[in-house]
Amino acid sequence: MPTRHFEVDVPIRHTTNRQLHGVHVFTGEASSPSEALRRAHEAYDAALAAQAAGLENPGKQPGGWGARGLRPDWALDWSAAKAGLWHNPYR
């Protein structure tokens, strides 16, 4: 299956102030929504592991997946994540 550009939206909540919430958005190439979810989660895990070890963010992974702006006081709800084709709002 050919790769296409996907967006993965992951709901987030502040860990101490439950009224604060939002969505962390990942984008990159994948061949399916399930692959997009997996690759976004892998990019997040790699960035989180680097941050915990005091290392620099690994940046973009293959396919353009990456995670920036990680904050330790926000939790991502991967069970509620949604993946779909990315539509460029500027086209």
C-alpha atoms as a PDB file:
ATOM      1  CA  MET A   1       0.000   0.000   0.000  1.00  0.00           C
ATOM      2  CA  PRO A   2       1.430   3.437  -0.880  1.00  0.00           C
ATOM      3  CA  THR A   3       2.241   5.875   1.878  1.00  0.00           C
ATOM      4  CA  ARG A   4       0.157   8.973   2.424  1.00  0.00           C
ATOM      5  CA  HIS A   5       0.339  11.858   4.853  1.00  0.00           C
ATOM      6  CA  PHE A   6      -1.638  11.222   8.054  1.00  0.00           C
ATOM      7  CA  GLU A   7      -2.584  13.244  11.112  1.00  0.00           C
ATOM      8  CA  VAL A   8      -2.886  11.621  14.528  1.00  0.00           C
ATOM      9  CA  ASP A   9      -4.847  13.573  17.143  1.00  0.00           C
ATOM     10  CA  VAL A  10      -4.233  12.473  20.736  1.00  0.00           C
ATOM     11  CA  PRO A  11      -6.352  13.953  23.546  1.00  0.00           C
ATOM     12  CA  ILE A  12      -4.252  15.419  26.384  1.00  0.00           C
ATOM     13  CA  ARG A  13      -5.039  16.449  29.954  1.00  0.00           C
ATOM     14  CA  HIS A  14      -3.039  18.335  32.524  1.00  0.00           C
ATOM     15  CA  THR A  15      -2.089  15.918  35.312  1.00  0.00           C
ATOM     16  CA  THR A  16      -2.900  18.252  38.216  1.00  0.00           C
ATOM     17  CA  ASN A  17      -5.524  20.599  36.777  1.00  0.00           C
ATOM     18  CA  ARG A  18      -8.020  18.257  35.102  1.00  0.00           C
ATOM     19  CA  GLN A  19      -9.921  21.198  33.631  1.00  0.00           C
ATOM     20  CA  LEU A  20      -7.029  21.882  31.252  1.00  0.00           C
ATOM     21  CA  HIS A  21      -7.196  19.690  28.168  1.00  0.00           C
ATOM     22  CA  GLY A  22      -6.473  19.732  24.475  1.00  0.00           C
ATOM     23  CA  VAL A  23      -5.076  17.695  21.592  1.00  0.00           C
ATOM     24  CA  HIS A  24      -1.483  16.859  20.681  1.00  0.00           C
ATOM     25  CA  VAL A  25      -1.197  16.541  16.896  1.00  0.00           C
ATOM     26  CA  PHE A  26       1.340  14.345  15.094  1.00  0.00           C
ATOM     27  CA  THR A  27       1.792  14.193  11.314  1.00  0.00           C
ATOM     28  CA  GLY A  28       3.804  11.964   9.030  1.00  0.00           C
ATOM     29  CA  GLU A  29       3.709   9.344   6.333  1.00  0.00           C
ATOM     30  CA  ALA A  30       2.109   5.929   6.746  1.00  0.00           C
ATOM     31  CA  SER A  31       0.280   3.362   4.667  1.00  0.00           C
ATOM     32  CA  SER A  32      -2.770   3.116   6.957  1.00  0.00           C
ATOM     33  CA  PRO A  33      -4.383   4.765   9.967  1.00  0.00           C
ATOM     34  CA  SER A  34      -3.182   1.941  12.238  1.00  0.00           C
ATOM     35  CA  GLU A  35       0.403   2.382  11.037  1.00  0.00           C
ATOM     36  CA  ALA A  36       0.080   6.142  11.571  1.00  0.00           C
ATOM     37  CA  LEU A  37      -1.031   5.566  15.174  1.00  0.00           C
ATOM     38  CA  ARG A  38       1.855   3.173  15.774  1.00  0.00           C
ATOM     39  CA  ARG A  39       4.460   5.496  14.258  1.00  0.00           C
ATOM     40  CA  ALA A  40       3.173   8.554  16.140  1.00  0.00           C
ATOM     41  CA  HIS A  41       3.277   6.610  19.404  1.00  0.00           C
ATOM     42  CA  GLU A  42       6.817   5.387  18.647  1.00  0.00           C
ATOM     43  CA  ALA A  43       7.975   8.947  17.944  1.00  0.00           C
ATOM     44  CA  TYR A  44       6.419  10.121  21.208  1.00  0.00           C
ATOM     45  CA  ASP A  45       7.983   7.251  23.178  1.00  0.00           C
ATOM     46  CA  ALA A  46      11.423   7.991  21.687  1.00  0.00           C
ATOM     47  CA  ALA A  47      11.166  11.692  22.558  1.00  0.00           C
ATOM     48  CA  LEU A  48       9.903  10.929  26.060  1.00  0.00           C
ATOM     49  CA  ALA A  49      12.729   8.433  26.678  1.00  0.00           C
ATOM     50  CA  ALA A  50      15.327  10.949  25.484  1.00  0.00           C
ATOM     51  CA  GLN A  51      13.837  13.643  27.710  1.00  0.00           C
ATOM     52  CA  ALA A  52      13.843  11.306  30.744  1.00  0.00           C
ATOM     53  CA  ALA A  53      17.500  10.443  30.092  1.00  0.00           C
ATOM     54  CA  GLY A  54      18.445  14.117  29.774  1.00  0.00           C
ATOM     55  CA  LEU A  55      19.234  13.735  26.079  1.00  0.00           C
ATOM     56  CA  GLU A  56      18.332  15.940  23.145  1.00  0.00           C
ATOM     57  CA  ASN A  57      15.031  15.277  21.378  1.00  0.00           C
ATOM     58  CA  PRO A  58      15.707  12.729  18.590  1.00  0.00           C
ATOM     59  CA  GLY A  59      13.825  14.899  16.087  1.00  0.00           C
ATOM     60  CA  LYS A  60      12.043  13.577  13.056  1.00  0.00           C
ATOM     61  CA  GLN A  61      11.881   9.828  12.625  1.00  0.00           C
ATOM     62  CA  PRO A  62      11.526   8.102   9.228  1.00  0.00           C
ATOM     63  CA  GLY A  63       8.382   9.246   7.471  1.00  0.00           C
ATOM     64  CA  GLY A  64       8.518  12.643   9.140  1.00  0.00           C
ATOM     65  CA  TRP A  65       7.150  11.526  12.517  1.00  0.00           C
ATOM     66  CA  GLY A  66       8.448  13.368  15.554  1.00  0.00           C
ATOM     67  CA  ALA A  67       7.374  14.801  18.898  1.00  0.00           C
ATOM     68  CA  ARG A  68       8.161  18.295  20.132  1.00  0.00           C
ATOM     69  CA  GLY A  69       6.881  20.416  22.961  1.00  0.00           C
ATOM     70  CA  LEU A  70       6.627  17.577  25.457  1.00  0.00           C
ATOM     71  CA  ARG A  71       5.673  18.704  28.920  1.00  0.00           C
ATOM     72  CA  PRO A  72       5.894  16.371  31.927  1.00  0.00           C
ATOM     73  CA  ASP A  73       2.660  17.716  33.441  1.00  0.00           C
ATOM     74  CA  TRP A  74       0.504  16.641  30.490  1.00  0.00           C
ATOM     75  CA  ALA A  75      -0.725  13.087  29.872  1.00  0.00           C
ATOM     76  CA  LEU A  76      -1.650  11.744  26.442  1.00  0.00           C
ATOM     77  CA  ASP A  77      -4.639   9.396  26.094  1.00  0.00           C
ATOM     78  CA  TRP A  78      -3.468   7.035  23.361  1.00  0.00           C
ATOM     79  CA  SER A  79      -6.568   4.846  23.750  1.00  0.00           C
ATOM     80  CA  ALA A  80      -8.667   7.758  22.442  1.00  0.00           C
ATOM     81  CA  ALA A  81      -6.267   8.761  19.638  1.00  0.00           C
ATOM     82  CA  LYS A  82      -7.676   9.160  16.130  1.00  0.00           C
ATOM     83  CA  ALA A  83      -5.800   8.882  12.843  1.00  0.00           C
ATOM     84  CA  GLY A  84      -6.911  10.049   9.439  1.00  0.00           C
ATOM     85  CA  LEU A  85      -5.579  11.504   6.246  1.00  0.00           C
ATOM     86  CA  TRP A  86      -4.050  14.934   6.732  1.00  0.00           C
ATOM     87  CA  HIS A  87      -5.663  17.757   4.793  1.00  0.00           C
ATOM     88  CA  ASN A  88      -3.511  20.826   4.316  1.00  0.00           C
ATOM     89  CA  PRO A  89      -5.638  23.781   5.488  1.00  0.00           C
ATOM     90  CA  TYR A  90      -3.548  26.162   3.372  1.00  0.00           C
ATOM     91  CA  ARG A  91      -4.202  24.565  -0.026  1.00  0.00           C
END
